[in-house]
Amino acid sequence: MSELTHFDADGRARMVDVSGKDETGRVAVARGTIAMKPETMERIREGAIKKGDVLAVADVGAVMAAKRTPDFIPMCHPIQLAGVGVDFEEKGIEDGSALLQVTVSAKCIGPTGVEMEALTAVSGALLTVYDMCKAIDRGMRILNIELVEKSGGRSGHWKREEEGGK
């Protein structure tokens, strides 16, 4: 896994040829967090954001982002997504900010993985939350977008080791 496959022998960027790879079931899970004023989180919870149901719209934003990933990640293959699941979880207050975590699971059957789709979906969901709430909280911060787990394909299963044994 030490070789970068998106470069040819001359160092030029290229799309990897996956035509010889087996089609297998593949899953990727990614997550990210948005920090906001506690009052903003309360308004989301109460459905009191003027633009509408923030989490419902962010869920749709995540799915749309996953579906459009190869449109703006240059070497990403267009894939047939089998499913995209989106979960939101309040993670309490830290340093005076309320934390909302988004976790996305993306699935496909194909010759290449869905990590980029999962990561892009998380980004889309978090950016949607920001867009819907920016009128009342421009200081929101998007944090720690990361791959949590992936399975399928030649490299098999990988899972992030949690810090502090969590």
C-alpha atoms as a PDB file:
ATOM      1  CA  MET A   1       0.000   0.000   0.000  1.00  0.00           C
ATOM      2  CA  SER A   2       3.076   2.260  -0.060  1.00  0.00           C
ATOM      3  CA  GLU A   3       2.822   2.885  -3.821  1.00  0.00           C
ATOM      4  CA  LEU A   4       0.760   5.853  -4.991  1.00  0.00           C
ATOM      5  CA  THR A   5      -1.363   4.470  -7.819  1.00  0.00           C
ATOM      6  CA  HIS A   6      -2.685   7.756  -9.196  1.00  0.00           C
ATOM      7  CA  PHE A   7       0.628   8.611 -10.891  1.00  0.00           C
ATOM      8  CA  ASP A   8       2.156   7.055 -14.006  1.00  0.00           C
ATOM      9  CA  ALA A   9       5.863   6.256 -14.522  1.00  0.00           C
ATOM     10  CA  ASP A  10       6.494   9.865 -15.547  1.00  0.00           C
ATOM     11  CA  GLY A  11       4.840  11.291 -12.423  1.00  0.00           C
ATOM     12  CA  ARG A  12       1.706  12.476 -14.239  1.00  0.00           C
ATOM     13  CA  ALA A  13      -1.672  12.106 -12.568  1.00  0.00           C
ATOM     14  CA  ARG A  14      -3.877   9.355 -13.979  1.00  0.00           C
ATOM     15  CA  MET A  15      -7.101   7.541 -13.268  1.00  0.00           C
ATOM     16  CA  VAL A  16      -6.280   4.027 -12.081  1.00  0.00           C
ATOM     17  CA  ASP A  17      -7.393   1.240 -14.419  1.00  0.00           C
ATOM     18  CA  VAL A  18      -9.721  -0.968 -12.346  1.00  0.00           C
ATOM     19  CA  SER A  19     -10.932  -3.112 -15.255  1.00  0.00           C
ATOM     20  CA  GLY A  20      -8.985  -6.156 -14.034  1.00  0.00           C
ATOM     21  CA  LYS A  21     -10.198  -5.966 -10.451  1.00  0.00           C
ATOM     22  CA  ASP A  22     -12.874  -8.243  -9.030  1.00  0.00           C
ATOM     23  CA  GLU A  23     -16.287  -6.837  -8.302  1.00  0.00           C
ATOM     24  CA  THR A  24     -16.868  -7.252  -4.584  1.00  0.00           C
ATOM     25  CA  GLY A  25     -19.177  -5.786  -1.977  1.00  0.00           C
ATOM     26  CA  ARG A  26     -17.558  -2.709  -0.521  1.00  0.00           C
ATOM     27  CA  VAL A  27     -18.506  -0.526   2.436  1.00  0.00           C
ATOM     28  CA  ALA A  28     -16.954   2.673   3.774  1.00  0.00           C
ATOM     29  CA  VAL A  29     -17.902   4.567   6.923  1.00  0.00           C
ATOM     30  CA  ALA A  30     -16.819   8.167   7.485  1.00  0.00           C
ATOM     31  CA  ARG A  31     -17.654  10.807  10.054  1.00  0.00           C
ATOM     32  CA  GLY A  32     -17.197  14.470  10.822  1.00  0.00           C
ATOM     33  CA  THR A  33     -18.361  17.033  13.341  1.00  0.00           C
ATOM     34  CA  ILE A  34     -19.719  20.555  13.298  1.00  0.00           C
ATOM     35  CA  ALA A  35     -19.283  22.768  16.369  1.00  0.00           C
ATOM     36  CA  MET A  36     -21.874  25.475  16.974  1.00  0.00           C
ATOM     37  CA  LYS A  37     -23.383  27.662  19.634  1.00  0.00           C
ATOM     38  CA  PRO A  38     -25.512  25.628  22.049  1.00  0.00           C
ATOM     39  CA  GLU A  39     -28.450  27.892  21.115  1.00  0.00           C
ATOM     40  CA  THR A  40     -28.064  26.873  17.470  1.00  0.00           C
ATOM     41  CA  MET A  41     -28.214  23.185  18.398  1.00  0.00           C
ATOM     42  CA  GLU A  42     -31.325  23.873  20.462  1.00  0.00           C
ATOM     43  CA  ARG A  43     -33.006  25.564  17.500  1.00  0.00           C
ATOM     44  CA  ILE A  44     -32.109  22.627  15.246  1.00  0.00           C
ATOM     45  CA  ARG A  45     -33.564  20.241  17.831  1.00  0.00           C
ATOM     46  CA  GLU A  46     -36.766  22.320  18.098  1.00  0.00           C
ATOM     47  CA  GLY A  47     -37.172  22.695  14.331  1.00  0.00           C
ATOM     48  CA  ALA A  48     -36.880  26.455  14.722  1.00  0.00           C
ATOM     49  CA  ILE A  49     -34.512  27.187  11.815  1.00  0.00           C
ATOM     50  CA  LYS A  50     -36.322  29.310   9.209  1.00  0.00           C
ATOM     51  CA  LYS A  51     -34.938  27.344   6.240  1.00  0.00           C
ATOM     52  CA  GLY A  52     -36.577  24.128   7.472  1.00  0.00           C
ATOM     53  CA  ASP A  53     -35.689  20.779   9.033  1.00  0.00           C
ATOM     54  CA  VAL A  54     -31.893  21.019   9.140  1.00  0.00           C
ATOM     55  CA  LEU A  55     -31.151  17.337   9.656  1.00  0.00           C
ATOM     56  CA  ALA A  56     -33.607  16.158   7.002  1.00  0.00           C
ATOM     57  CA  VAL A  57     -32.088  18.516   4.444  1.00  0.00           C
ATOM     58  CA  ALA A  58     -28.532  17.588   5.523  1.00  0.00           C
ATOM     59  CA  ASP A  59     -29.422  13.906   5.056  1.00  0.00           C
ATOM     60  CA  VAL A  60     -30.446  14.626   1.463  1.00  0.00           C
ATOM     61  CA  GLY A  61     -27.330  16.787   1.006  1.00  0.00           C
ATOM     62  CA  ALA A  62     -25.153  13.856   2.090  1.00  0.00           C
ATOM     63  CA  VAL A  63     -26.752  11.477  -0.396  1.00  0.00           C
ATOM     64  CA  MET A  64     -26.517  14.019  -3.214  1.00  0.00           C
ATOM     65  CA  ALA A  65     -22.847  14.671  -2.417  1.00  0.00           C
ATOM     66  CA  ALA A  66     -22.048  10.949  -2.438  1.00  0.00           C
ATOM     67  CA  LYS A  67     -23.713  10.568  -5.839  1.00  0.00           C
ATOM     68  CA  ARG A  68     -21.745  13.499  -7.319  1.00  0.00           C
ATOM     69  CA  THR A  69     -18.302  12.668  -5.866  1.00  0.00           C
ATOM     70  CA  PRO A  70     -16.555  11.923  -9.197  1.00  0.00           C
ATOM     71  CA  ASP A  71     -17.788  15.257 -10.578  1.00  0.00           C
ATOM     72  CA  PHE A  72     -15.198  17.135  -8.523  1.00  0.00           C
ATOM     73  CA  ILE A  73     -12.646  14.613  -7.260  1.00  0.00           C
ATOM     74  CA  PRO A  74     -10.600  14.350 -10.471  1.00  0.00           C
ATOM     75  CA  MET A  75      -9.350  10.751 -10.324  1.00  0.00           C
ATOM     76  CA  CYS A  76     -12.401   9.259  -8.609  1.00  0.00           C
ATOM     77  CA  HIS A  77     -14.266   6.597 -10.601  1.00  0.00           C
ATOM     78  CA  PRO A  78     -17.999   6.942 -11.169  1.00  0.00           C
ATOM     79  CA  ILE A  79     -19.515   4.013  -9.283  1.00  0.00           C
ATOM     80  CA  GLN A  80     -22.958   2.549  -8.839  1.00  0.00           C
ATOM     81  CA  LEU A  81     -23.848   3.235  -5.212  1.00  0.00           C
ATOM     82  CA  ALA A  82     -25.974   0.541  -3.614  1.00  0.00           C
ATOM     83  CA  GLY A  83     -26.820   2.587  -0.534  1.00  0.00           C
ATOM     84  CA  VAL A  84     -25.933   5.613   1.561  1.00  0.00           C
ATOM     85  CA  GLY A  85     -26.930   5.775   5.234  1.00  0.00           C
ATOM     86  CA  VAL A  86     -26.658   8.980   7.251  1.00  0.00           C
ATOM     87  CA  ASP A  87     -26.786   9.301  11.044  1.00  0.00           C
ATOM     88  CA  PHE A  88     -26.643  12.400  13.252  1.00  0.00           C
ATOM     89  CA  GLU A  89     -25.629  12.362  16.901  1.00  0.00           C
ATOM     90  CA  GLU A  90     -25.297  15.170  19.402  1.00  0.00           C
ATOM     91  CA  LYS A  91     -21.939  14.774  21.148  1.00  0.00           C
ATOM     92  CA  GLY A  92     -22.442  17.241  24.006  1.00  0.00           C
ATOM     93  CA  ILE A  93     -20.676  20.519  24.748  1.00  0.00           C
ATOM     94  CA  GLU A  94     -16.922  21.007  24.371  1.00  0.00           C
ATOM     95  CA  ASP A  95     -15.131  24.325  24.882  1.00  0.00           C
ATOM     96  CA  GLY A  96     -18.490  26.099  24.907  1.00  0.00           C
ATOM     97  CA  SER A  97     -19.633  24.635  21.582  1.00  0.00           C
ATOM     98  CA  ALA A  98     -22.351  22.074  20.964  1.00  0.00           C
ATOM     99  CA  LEU A  99     -21.063  19.240  18.778  1.00  0.00           C
ATOM    100  CA  LEU A 100     -23.093  17.470  16.119  1.00  0.00           C
ATOM    101  CA  GLN A 101     -21.468  14.407  14.548  1.00  0.00           C
ATOM    102  CA  VAL A 102     -22.466  13.056  11.151  1.00  0.00           C
ATOM    103  CA  THR A 103     -21.653   9.441  10.251  1.00  0.00           C
ATOM    104  CA  VAL A 104     -22.168   8.100   6.741  1.00  0.00           C
ATOM    105  CA  SER A 105     -22.036   4.539   5.488  1.00  0.00           C
ATOM    106  CA  ALA A 106     -21.699   4.102   1.714  1.00  0.00           C
ATOM    107  CA  LYS A 107     -22.034   0.757  -0.080  1.00  0.00           C
ATOM    108  CA  CYS A 108     -21.449  -0.587  -3.561  1.00  0.00           C
ATOM    109  CA  ILE A 109     -20.628  -3.748  -5.469  1.00  0.00           C
ATOM    110  CA  GLY A 110     -17.794  -3.010  -7.850  1.00  0.00           C
ATOM    111  CA  PRO A 111     -14.094  -2.987  -8.674  1.00  0.00           C
ATOM    112  CA  THR A 112     -13.225   0.046  -6.537  1.00  0.00           C
ATOM    113  CA  GLY A 113     -14.093   1.312  -3.075  1.00  0.00           C
ATOM    114  CA  VAL A 114     -16.516   3.891  -1.736  1.00  0.00           C
ATOM    115  CA  GLU A 115     -14.264   5.775   0.683  1.00  0.00           C
ATOM    116  CA  MET A 116     -14.377   9.008  -1.299  1.00  0.00           C
ATOM    117  CA  GLU A 117     -18.163   8.856  -1.534  1.00  0.00           C
ATOM    118  CA  ALA A 118     -18.503   8.380   2.231  1.00  0.00           C
ATOM    119  CA  LEU A 119     -16.087  11.240   2.980  1.00  0.00           C
ATOM    120  CA  THR A 120     -17.762  13.520   0.443  1.00  0.00           C
ATOM    121  CA  ALA A 121     -21.195  12.686   1.864  1.00  0.00           C
ATOM    122  CA  VAL A 122     -20.045  13.681   5.363  1.00  0.00           C
ATOM    123  CA  SER A 123     -18.692  16.941   3.956  1.00  0.00           C
ATOM    124  CA  GLY A 124     -21.960  17.587   2.109  1.00  0.00           C
ATOM    125  CA  ALA A 125     -24.035  16.989   5.238  1.00  0.00           C
ATOM    126  CA  LEU A 126     -21.861  19.250   7.383  1.00  0.00           C
ATOM    127  CA  LEU A 127     -21.820  22.012   4.781  1.00  0.00           C
ATOM    128  CA  THR A 128     -25.604  21.767   4.514  1.00  0.00           C
ATOM    129  CA  VAL A 129     -25.945  22.223   8.289  1.00  0.00           C
ATOM    130  CA  TYR A 130     -23.663  25.257   8.031  1.00  0.00           C
ATOM    131  CA  ASP A 131     -25.646  26.711   5.127  1.00  0.00           C
ATOM    132  CA  MET A 132     -28.978  26.281   6.866  1.00  0.00           C
ATOM    133  CA  CYS A 133     -27.790  27.810  10.160  1.00  0.00           C
ATOM    134  CA  LYS A 134     -25.272  30.455   9.053  1.00  0.00           C
ATOM    135  CA  ALA A 135     -27.754  33.305   9.456  1.00  0.00           C
ATOM    136  CA  ILE A 136     -27.731  32.759  13.221  1.00  0.00           C
ATOM    137  CA  ASP A 137     -24.231  31.262  13.733  1.00  0.00           C
ATOM    138  CA  ARG A 138     -21.496  32.183  11.251  1.00  0.00           C
ATOM    139  CA  GLY A 139     -18.821  30.941  13.670  1.00  0.00           C
ATOM    140  CA  MET A 140     -19.662  27.250  13.254  1.00  0.00           C
ATOM    141  CA  ARG A 141     -16.609  25.053  12.659  1.00  0.00           C
ATOM    142  CA  ILE A 142     -16.396  21.843  10.647  1.00  0.00           C
ATOM    143  CA  LEU A 143     -14.002  19.405  12.312  1.00  0.00           C
ATOM    144  CA  ASN A 144     -12.348  16.007  11.949  1.00  0.00           C
ATOM    145  CA  ILE A 145     -13.700  14.586   8.726  1.00  0.00           C
ATOM    146  CA  GLU A 146     -12.208  11.094   8.623  1.00  0.00           C
ATOM    147  CA  LEU A 147     -12.587   7.578   7.347  1.00  0.00           C
ATOM    148  CA  VAL A 148     -13.670   5.287  10.183  1.00  0.00           C
ATOM    149  CA  GLU A 149     -13.803   1.917   8.470  1.00  0.00           C
ATOM    150  CA  LYS A 150     -13.714   0.256   5.049  1.00  0.00           C
ATOM    151  CA  SER A 151     -14.213  -3.285   3.875  1.00  0.00           C
ATOM    152  CA  GLY A 152     -14.128  -5.193   0.618  1.00  0.00           C
ATOM    153  CA  GLY A 153     -11.691  -5.433  -2.214  1.00  0.00           C
ATOM    154  CA  ARG A 154      -8.135  -6.700  -2.305  1.00  0.00           C
ATOM    155  CA  SER A 155      -6.991  -4.708   0.739  1.00  0.00           C
ATOM    156  CA  GLY A 156      -9.770  -6.201   2.879  1.00  0.00           C
ATOM    157  CA  HIS A 157     -10.975  -4.700   6.133  1.00  0.00           C
ATOM    158  CA  TRP A 158      -9.511  -1.592   7.789  1.00  0.00           C
ATOM    159  CA  LYS A 159     -10.768   0.133  10.939  1.00  0.00           C
ATOM    160  CA  ARG A 160      -9.512   3.309  12.624  1.00  0.00           C
ATOM    161  CA  GLU A 161      -8.107   2.709  16.066  1.00  0.00           C
ATOM    162  CA  GLU A 162      -9.847   5.056  18.473  1.00  0.00           C
ATOM    163  CA  GLU A 163      -7.718   7.307  20.649  1.00  0.00           C
ATOM    164  CA  GLY A 164      -7.862   6.568  24.363  1.00  0.00           C
ATOM    165  CA  GLY A 165      -9.159   3.041  23.789  1.00  0.00           C
ATOM    166  CA  LYS A 166     -12.680   4.238  22.825  1.00  0.00           C
END
